[in-house]
Amino acid sequence: MLTDPQPRYKVEVYAGDATRSAPGFTGPIGLDGLYRKGERTEEGLDSSGFPRVNAVKGTWQNDHTFVIDWLVLGEGFPADQWTLTFAGETLNVHVKLGAGGEISTESETEE
């Protein structure tokens, strides 16, 4: 979806319960250094249930590292920064939260 004329992201979140479908959400992503604002939504990575608007931009740092700046408008925090590093079949994800804190994970990519 990043190669489309109007690039978009798609996030699927692990549900943790095999009987439920995994939540997911999509939106536009700016690849020209500018944020793209999505539609008002209640879907997202937190469980507050409050409507919000995401503004997202991304850039390749090198051949193996894609960095995403994710801003929730009106939240009052700096943008979260997602660093995705691809190494062979492995994907490393490091998220620096604008509100404070960090999350890291590693997984095998799907073919």
Protein backbone atom coordinates (compact mmCIF):
# COMPACT_ATOMS: atom_id res chain seq x y z
CA MET A 1 0.00 0.00 0.00
CA LEU A 2 3.04 2.28 0.28
CA THR A 3 3.49 2.25 -3.49
CA ASP A 4 -0.08 3.43 -4.24
CA PRO A 5 -0.57 6.98 -5.58
CA GLN A 6 -2.08 7.84 -2.18
CA PRO A 7 -0.04 5.67 0.23
CA ARG A 8 -1.76 4.06 3.21
CA TYR A 9 -0.75 2.03 6.25
CA LYS A 10 -2.58 -0.96 7.68
CA VAL A 11 -2.07 -2.06 11.29
CA GLU A 12 -3.32 -5.39 12.61
CA VAL A 13 -3.14 -5.91 16.36
CA TYR A 14 -2.75 -9.33 17.94
CA ALA A 15 -6.10 -10.11 19.62
CA GLY A 16 -4.70 -12.43 22.29
CA ASP A 17 -7.92 -14.45 22.09
CA ALA A 18 -8.23 -16.92 19.20
CA THR A 19 -12.04 -16.66 19.29
CA ARG A 20 -11.97 -12.95 18.45
CA SER A 21 -10.76 -11.31 15.28
CA ALA A 22 -7.71 -9.09 15.58
CA PRO A 23 -8.51 -5.38 15.60
CA GLY A 24 -7.06 -3.39 12.75
CA PHE A 25 -7.10 0.06 11.27
CA THR A 26 -5.81 1.91 8.22
CA GLY A 27 -5.13 5.46 7.16
CA PRO A 28 -3.05 7.66 4.88
CA ILE A 29 0.71 8.05 5.38
CA GLY A 30 2.86 10.88 4.05
CA LEU A 31 6.04 9.73 2.34
CA ASP A 32 7.15 13.23 1.34
CA GLY A 33 8.08 14.51 4.81
CA LEU A 34 4.54 15.73 5.55
CA TYR A 35 1.95 14.18 7.84
CA ARG A 36 -1.26 12.84 6.29
CA LYS A 37 -4.35 13.19 8.44
CA GLY A 38 -6.75 10.26 8.66
CA GLU A 39 -10.46 10.18 9.34
CA ARG A 40 -11.90 10.55 12.83
CA THR A 41 -11.95 7.08 14.39
CA GLU A 42 -12.40 5.21 17.64
CA GLU A 43 -10.07 2.46 16.42
CA GLY A 44 -6.46 2.53 17.48
CA LEU A 45 -3.77 1.13 19.71
CA ASP A 46 -5.24 2.29 23.00
CA SER A 47 -8.53 1.19 24.52
CA SER A 48 -9.87 4.60 25.56
CA GLY A 49 -12.73 4.46 23.07
CA PHE A 50 -12.51 8.21 22.52
CA PRO A 51 -12.63 9.44 18.93
CA ARG A 52 -9.29 10.62 17.61
CA VAL A 53 -7.53 11.62 14.41
CA ASN A 54 -4.17 10.11 13.52
CA ALA A 55 -1.60 11.99 11.42
CA VAL A 56 1.18 9.77 10.07
CA LYS A 57 4.34 10.15 8.00
CA GLY A 58 7.12 7.73 7.16
CA THR A 59 10.53 7.65 5.55
CA TRP A 60 13.20 5.12 4.66
CA GLN A 61 16.40 5.80 6.64
CA ASN A 62 18.29 3.20 4.59
CA ASP A 63 17.61 0.00 2.63
CA HIS A 64 16.55 -1.88 5.78
CA THR A 65 15.00 0.72 8.12
CA PHE A 66 11.62 2.46 7.78
CA VAL A 67 10.70 5.11 10.39
CA ILE A 68 7.09 6.14 11.06
CA ASP A 69 6.08 9.25 13.02
CA TRP A 70 2.57 8.75 14.44
CA LEU A 71 0.76 11.71 15.95
CA VAL A 72 -2.68 11.62 17.57
CA LEU A 73 -4.06 15.11 17.02
CA GLY A 74 -5.28 16.94 20.10
CA GLU A 75 -3.71 14.46 22.50
CA GLY A 76 -0.99 16.88 23.57
CA PHE A 77 1.93 14.44 23.27
CA PRO A 78 4.80 14.42 20.80
CA ALA A 79 4.57 11.89 17.97
CA ASP A 80 5.29 8.22 18.64
CA GLN A 81 8.21 7.02 16.54
CA TRP A 82 8.09 3.51 15.11
CA THR A 83 11.36 2.12 13.73
CA LEU A 84 10.92 -1.00 11.58
CA THR A 85 14.18 -2.77 10.74
CA PHE A 86 14.16 -5.61 8.22
CA ALA A 87 17.01 -8.15 8.46
CA GLY A 88 16.48 -11.14 6.19
CA GLU A 89 13.34 -12.89 7.43
CA THR A 90 13.31 -10.94 10.71
CA LEU A 91 11.41 -7.75 11.45
CA ASN A 92 12.47 -5.71 14.48
CA VAL A 93 10.00 -3.09 15.69
CA HIS A 94 10.99 -0.44 18.21
CA VAL A 95 8.39 2.11 19.30
CA LYS A 96 9.34 5.22 21.25
CA LEU A 97 6.11 6.58 22.72
CA GLY A 98 5.63 10.34 22.69
CA ALA A 99 3.95 10.10 26.10
CA GLY A 100 7.00 8.28 27.47
CA GLY A 101 8.17 4.70 27.37
CA GLU A 102 9.39 2.31 24.72
CA ILE A 103 8.28 -1.02 23.26
CA SER A 104 10.40 -3.44 21.22
CA THR A 105 9.60 -6.74 19.52
CA GLU A 106 11.08 -9.07 16.93
CA SER A 107 9.29 -11.48 14.63
CA GLU A 108 9.67 -13.48 11.47
CA THR A 109 8.21 -11.84 8.37
CA GLU A 110 5.49 -13.60 6.40
CA GLU A 111 6.06 -14.40 2.76
